[in-house]
Protein backbone atom coordinates (compact mmCIF):
# COMPACT_ATOMS: atom_id res chain seq x y z
CA MET A 1 0.03 0.01 0.00
CA LYS A 2 1.59 3.27 -1.03
CA ARG A 3 1.11 6.32 1.12
CA ARG A 4 -0.80 8.29 -1.61
CA ASN A 5 -3.37 5.46 -1.65
CA PHE A 6 -3.70 5.35 2.01
CA ILE A 7 -6.97 5.88 3.63
CA LYS A 8 -7.93 9.55 3.33
CA ASN A 9 -10.94 9.81 5.52
CA LEU A 10 -12.17 8.57 8.90
CA ALA A 11 -15.63 7.13 8.48
CA LEU A 12 -17.83 5.30 11.06
CA SER A 13 -19.41 2.09 9.85
CA THR A 14 -20.61 -1.04 11.64
CA GLY A 15 -18.23 -0.41 14.57
CA SER A 16 -15.27 0.26 12.43
CA LEU A 17 -13.38 3.48 11.60
CA LEU A 18 -11.19 4.21 8.69
CA ILE A 19 -8.33 6.25 9.95
CA ALA A 20 -7.07 9.43 8.48
CA ASP A 21 -3.74 9.66 6.32
CA ASN A 22 -2.02 11.90 8.68
CA LEU A 23 -2.36 9.62 11.56
CA LEU A 24 -0.58 6.45 10.60
CA ALA A 25 1.26 4.86 7.85
CA GLU A 26 1.96 1.24 7.18
CA THR A 27 5.65 1.51 7.61
CA LEU A 28 5.49 2.85 11.21
CA LEU A 29 5.56 -0.69 12.74
CA PRO A 30 7.52 -3.81 11.80
CA PRO A 31 5.48 -6.42 9.80
CA LYS A 32 4.79 -8.75 12.78
CA SER A 33 3.52 -5.89 15.01
CA LYS A 34 1.08 -3.68 13.25
CA LYS A 35 -1.72 -3.36 15.81
CA LEU A 36 -2.04 -0.94 18.71
CA VAL A 37 -4.70 -1.53 21.24
CA ILE A 38 -6.01 1.29 23.43
CA LEU A 39 -7.94 0.40 26.47
CA HIS A 40 -9.78 3.15 28.44
CA THR A 41 -11.91 3.80 31.43
CA ASN A 42 -13.45 6.85 33.18
CA ASP A 43 -15.33 7.87 36.22
CA THR A 44 -14.76 4.71 37.97
CA HIS A 45 -15.58 6.47 41.35
CA SER A 46 -14.07 4.02 43.73
CA ASN A 47 -16.20 1.14 42.57
CA ILE A 48 -14.17 -1.99 43.47
CA ASP A 49 -16.75 -4.72 43.82
CA SER A 50 -19.34 -5.66 41.19
CA PHE A 51 -22.96 -4.25 41.56
CA PRO A 52 -25.38 -6.72 43.13
CA SER A 53 -26.84 -9.39 40.99
CA ASN A 54 -30.33 -7.76 41.33
CA HIS A 55 -29.20 -4.18 40.32
CA PRO A 56 -31.64 -2.78 37.97
CA LYS A 57 -29.09 -1.38 35.43
CA PHE A 58 -25.72 -3.00 36.03
CA PRO A 59 -26.38 -6.48 37.62
CA GLY A 60 -23.00 -8.15 38.45
CA MET A 61 -21.04 -5.63 36.57
CA GLY A 62 -18.08 -3.26 37.42
CA ASP A 63 -15.81 -5.72 39.37
CA VAL A 64 -12.16 -4.56 39.30
CA ALA A 65 -10.95 -8.36 39.47
CA LYS A 66 -13.02 -9.08 36.38
CA ARG A 67 -11.64 -6.05 34.64
CA PHE A 68 -8.15 -7.20 35.56
CA THR A 69 -9.01 -10.68 33.91
CA LEU A 70 -10.28 -9.05 30.81
CA ILE A 71 -7.26 -6.77 30.44
CA GLN A 72 -4.82 -9.53 30.92
CA LYS A 73 -6.58 -11.59 28.23
CA ILE A 74 -6.31 -8.69 25.75
CA ARG A 75 -2.63 -8.33 26.58
CA SER A 76 -2.00 -11.81 26.06
CA GLU A 77 -3.41 -11.58 22.58
CA ASN A 78 -1.81 -8.29 21.61
CA GLU A 79 1.78 -7.00 21.75
CA HIS A 80 1.12 -3.40 22.02
CA VAL A 81 -1.49 -2.27 24.54
CA LEU A 82 -1.99 0.99 26.38
CA LEU A 83 -4.43 1.31 29.30
CA LEU A 84 -5.64 4.80 30.10
CA ASP A 85 -8.12 6.59 32.55
CA SER A 86 -9.85 9.83 32.17
CA GLY A 87 -10.42 10.82 35.82
CA ASP A 88 -12.73 10.71 38.74
CA ILE A 89 -11.02 7.71 40.21
CA PHE A 90 -12.11 8.80 43.70
CA GLN A 91 -15.58 9.05 45.46
CA GLY A 92 -18.52 6.93 45.46
CA THR A 93 -18.17 3.92 47.79
CA PRO A 94 -16.90 3.48 51.43
CA TYR A 95 -13.63 2.16 50.03
CA PHE A 96 -12.68 5.85 49.35
CA ASN A 97 -13.94 7.09 52.74
CA THR A 98 -11.92 4.24 54.44
CA PHE A 99 -8.64 4.31 52.54
CA ASN A 100 -8.50 7.83 51.14
CA GLY A 101 -7.74 6.80 47.65
CA GLU A 102 -4.82 4.52 48.43
CA LEU A 103 -6.69 1.41 47.41
CA GLU A 104 -7.82 2.79 44.15
CA MET A 105 -4.17 3.78 43.17
CA LYS A 106 -2.90 0.35 44.30
CA LEU A 107 -5.54 -1.48 42.20
CA MET A 108 -4.81 0.72 39.16
CA SER A 109 -1.22 -0.12 39.50
CA LYS A 110 -1.94 -3.71 39.85
CA LEU A 111 -4.10 -3.61 36.64
CA GLY A 112 -1.16 -1.98 34.81
CA TYR A 113 -2.64 1.48 33.83
CA ASP A 114 -0.17 3.47 31.75
CA ALA A 115 -1.45 6.84 32.47
CA ALA A 116 -4.42 8.84 33.85
CA THR A 117 -5.82 12.40 34.18
CA MET A 118 -7.41 13.99 37.18
CA GLY A 119 -11.16 14.58 37.50
CA ASN A 120 -12.84 16.99 39.82
CA HIS A 121 -13.55 14.35 42.44
CA ASP A 122 -9.96 13.44 42.60
CA PHE A 123 -9.58 16.67 44.54
CA ASP A 124 -12.08 15.56 47.17
CA ILE A 125 -9.52 14.87 49.73
CA GLY A 126 -7.46 18.02 48.95
CA LEU A 127 -4.02 18.23 47.16
CA GLU A 128 -2.18 16.65 50.09
CA GLY A 129 -4.56 13.76 50.06
CA PHE A 130 -4.21 13.19 46.48
CA MET A 131 -0.39 13.37 46.67
CA ASN A 132 -0.46 10.88 49.47
CA ALA A 133 -2.60 8.44 47.59
CA LYS A 134 -0.64 9.04 44.45
CA LYS A 135 2.48 7.62 46.16
CA HIS A 136 0.81 4.16 45.51
CA ALA A 137 0.48 4.73 41.78
CA ASN A 138 3.26 3.52 39.41
CA PHE A 139 1.89 5.41 36.47
CA PRO A 140 1.93 9.11 35.59
CA PHE A 141 -0.85 11.62 35.86
CA VAL A 142 -1.03 13.92 32.79
CA CYS A 143 -2.65 17.36 33.79
CA SER A 144 -1.98 19.81 31.09
CA ASN A 145 -4.31 22.71 31.94
CA TYR A 146 -3.92 22.56 35.80
CA ASN A 147 -0.90 24.56 36.88
CA PHE A 148 0.24 23.09 40.31
CA SER A 149 3.43 25.13 40.50
CA LYS A 150 2.32 26.87 43.59
CA THR A 151 1.00 23.85 45.35
CA VAL A 152 2.26 20.68 46.96
CA LEU A 153 1.53 18.86 43.62
CA ALA A 154 4.29 20.89 41.85
CA ASN A 155 6.24 18.33 39.79
CA GLU A 156 3.90 15.56 40.87
CA THR A 157 2.10 15.45 37.53
CA LYS A 158 3.25 15.82 33.93
CA LEU A 159 2.03 17.99 30.98
CA TYR A 160 2.21 14.98 28.67
CA HIS A 161 3.84 11.56 28.41
CA ILE A 162 5.12 9.79 25.38
CA PHE A 163 4.92 6.16 24.89
CA LYS A 164 6.84 4.14 22.23
CA LYS A 165 5.07 0.98 20.97
CA GLY A 166 6.34 -1.05 18.08
CA GLY A 167 8.40 1.87 16.83
CA ILE A 168 5.96 4.59 16.79
CA LYS A 169 5.48 7.43 19.49
CA ILE A 170 2.14 7.97 21.13
CA GLY A 171 1.56 11.23 22.93
CA VAL A 172 -0.85 11.42 25.75
CA PHE A 173 -1.98 14.69 27.60
CA GLY A 174 -4.79 15.60 29.97
CA ILE A 175 -7.54 18.36 29.99
CA GLY A 176 -9.52 18.91 33.14
CA VAL A 177 -12.71 20.74 33.94
CA GLU A 178 -12.89 24.16 35.52
CA LEU A 179 -12.67 23.67 39.27
CA ASN A 180 -13.98 27.04 40.38
CA GLY A 181 -17.57 26.67 41.39
CA LEU A 182 -17.49 22.80 41.06
CA VAL A 183 -14.78 22.00 43.72
CA PRO A 184 -14.42 23.76 47.11
CA LYS A 185 -11.55 26.30 46.92
CA ASP A 186 -9.63 24.70 49.98
CA LYS A 187 -9.56 21.36 47.93
CA TYR A 188 -7.52 22.93 45.13
CA GLY A 189 -5.82 25.72 46.75
CA GLU A 190 -3.56 27.81 44.41
CA THR A 191 -4.14 25.65 41.40
CA LEU A 192 -4.28 27.74 38.35
CA TYR A 193 -6.72 26.88 35.52
CA LYS A 194 -5.57 27.17 32.05
CA ASP A 195 -7.78 27.55 28.97
CA PRO A 196 -8.56 23.98 27.77
CA ILE A 197 -8.77 24.81 24.08
CA GLU A 198 -5.45 26.84 23.94
CA THR A 199 -3.70 24.24 26.12
CA ALA A 200 -4.97 21.33 24.05
CA ASN A 201 -3.79 23.00 20.80
CA SER A 202 -0.39 23.81 22.40
CA MET A 203 -0.01 20.16 23.71
CA ALA A 204 -1.03 18.58 20.50
CA GLN A 205 1.28 20.84 18.39
CA LEU A 206 4.16 20.11 20.80
CA LEU A 207 3.57 16.31 20.54
CA THR A 208 3.40 16.54 16.80
CA ASP A 209 6.65 18.33 16.81
CA LEU A 210 8.14 15.75 18.96
CA GLY A 211 7.34 13.02 16.36
CA CYS A 212 4.21 11.52 17.80
CA LYS A 213 2.08 9.78 15.18
CA VAL A 214 -0.84 9.13 17.56
CA ILE A 215 -1.91 12.01 19.95
CA ILE A 216 -4.49 11.18 22.75
CA CYS A 217 -6.34 13.71 24.82
CA LEU A 218 -7.53 12.28 28.19
CA SER A 219 -10.33 14.67 28.81
CA HIS A 220 -12.49 15.35 31.98
CA LEU A 221 -14.51 18.19 30.38
CA GLY A 222 -17.71 16.21 29.61
CA TYR A 223 -19.04 14.96 26.50
CA ASP A 224 -21.76 17.63 25.74
CA TYR A 225 -23.97 20.11 27.34
CA GLU A 226 -27.27 21.90 26.52
CA ASP A 227 -25.28 25.19 26.77
CA LYS A 228 -23.16 24.84 23.55
CA ALA A 229 -20.98 27.59 24.77
CA ARG A 230 -19.75 25.40 27.57
CA ILE A 231 -16.50 23.65 26.63
CA SER A 232 -17.10 19.94 26.22
CA ASP A 233 -15.43 17.05 24.30
CA LEU A 234 -17.36 17.99 21.15
CA VAL A 235 -16.27 21.58 21.37
CA LEU A 236 -12.73 20.57 22.08
CA ALA A 237 -12.60 18.34 18.98
CA LYS A 238 -14.11 21.03 16.74
CA GLU A 239 -11.70 23.74 17.90
CA THR A 240 -8.42 21.95 18.07
CA ALA A 241 -6.04 20.32 15.65
CA ASN A 242 -3.58 17.36 15.66
CA ILE A 243 -5.56 15.26 18.29
CA HIS A 244 -6.63 11.91 16.97
CA LEU A 245 -8.41 10.43 20.02
CA ILE A 246 -10.40 12.33 22.71
CA LEU A 247 -11.08 9.74 25.59
CA GLY A 248 -13.59 11.53 27.75
CA GLY A 249 -15.20 11.51 31.21
CA HIS A 250 -17.11 13.67 33.69
CA THR A 251 -20.56 13.26 32.27
CA HIS A 252 -20.78 9.59 32.67
CA THR A 253 -21.86 9.21 29.15
CA PHE A 254 -22.54 5.74 27.73
CA LEU A 255 -21.76 5.81 23.89
CA ASP A 256 -22.80 2.94 21.85
CA LYS A 257 -20.09 3.93 19.28
CA PRO A 258 -17.57 6.75 19.27
CA THR A 259 -18.33 10.18 17.83
CA VAL A 260 -16.39 11.36 14.89
CA LEU A 261 -16.08 15.08 14.17
CA ASN A 262 -14.09 17.37 11.95
CA ASN A 263 -11.47 19.40 13.80
CA ALA A 264 -10.26 22.98 13.14
CA ASN A 265 -8.25 21.62 10.15
CA ASN A 266 -11.22 19.73 8.76
CA GLN A 267 -9.40 16.49 9.79
CA GLN A 268 -11.53 13.79 11.79
CA VAL A 269 -11.05 13.16 15.36
CA LEU A 270 -12.71 10.44 17.54
CA ILE A 271 -14.38 11.00 20.77
CA ASN A 272 -15.37 8.07 23.24
CA GLN A 273 -16.66 7.62 26.77
CA VAL A 274 -17.65 4.50 28.50
CA GLY A 275 -20.16 5.46 31.18
CA TRP A 276 -19.06 5.12 34.86
CA ALA A 277 -18.36 2.79 37.78
CA GLY A 278 -15.93 0.52 35.72
CA VAL A 279 -18.91 -1.30 34.16
CA ASN A 280 -17.43 -0.88 30.71
CA LEU A 281 -13.97 -1.05 29.33
CA GLY A 282 -13.37 0.94 26.11
CA ARG A 283 -11.33 -0.73 23.39
CA ILE A 284 -9.94 0.85 20.24
CA ASP A 285 -7.70 -1.09 17.86
CA ILE A 286 -5.49 0.57 15.29
CA ASP A 287 -4.41 -1.50 12.39
CA ILE A 288 -1.40 0.36 11.07
CA ASP A 289 -1.12 -1.74 8.01
CA LYS A 290 -4.78 -1.32 6.75
CA GLY A 291 -5.46 1.91 8.22
CA ILE A 292 -8.50 0.66 9.92
CA LEU A 293 -9.39 1.62 13.44
CA LYS A 294 -11.97 -0.67 15.23
CA SER A 295 -13.68 0.28 18.49
CA SER A 296 -15.86 -1.69 20.89
CA THR A 297 -17.23 -1.50 24.34
CA LEU A 298 -16.56 -4.38 26.47
CA GLU A 299 -18.92 -5.12 29.51
CA VAL A 300 -17.04 -5.91 32.68
CA LYS A 301 -19.02 -8.80 34.28
């Protein structure tokens, strides 16, 4: 397949996506390793155990141990896998109130998360509380539009992280929701909030310049709002460039399939979100050779 004949558009059909020319080329991975699998969660909210078997919406779903088994099976079948989370790890069950976030971090480390961003509820025990819990995480937190330089979290998070899988660079950065009016001031202190659109454009351009062929935004802005002026994942997608995947959170949105929109450069970007409480695991498969990206939502039960 020559580059000039490579897939030119990203189109949604029967659960598969055709990925844009500027994202991937067939020569980026060696012949034996041409698939990248991206797994993602959001808004797990300290749900460790499964919901009761008689739960009206999620009977027997959401168990961390079952998620671990599912992830390990996928890893055993695929060479290049990334596991990402889009925030609101904390708050929602007595586990959080009892262990102050330490258990969630330990379990995410056991599951092998590669990176996460912070959601508004991850501030619920304050910056020092988050820092203490984070000591049990062996993966980075990417928080691009929260400036923690005047707080105890200075140098505790990263603006972005670059992974190398099968010879290609994958850039991951995080965009969080406005904290003012949503989180008590004493919980986030002197954290400075940076414009999400400007920050996302800056991060995506930087990662492009650094040679990343796949650029992922872990967003905790929310999928969409009635007030269209409010910044959401859909607004972010339309007003930015160079981002290929927006993996969202905050609004607990269950998407049957990812949304595909044109960005500021009229190139297509994929947006996905998989509900809440860990009942689903999002999966996105990128086939480098064929230029086909498949997505699926896997129930954890």
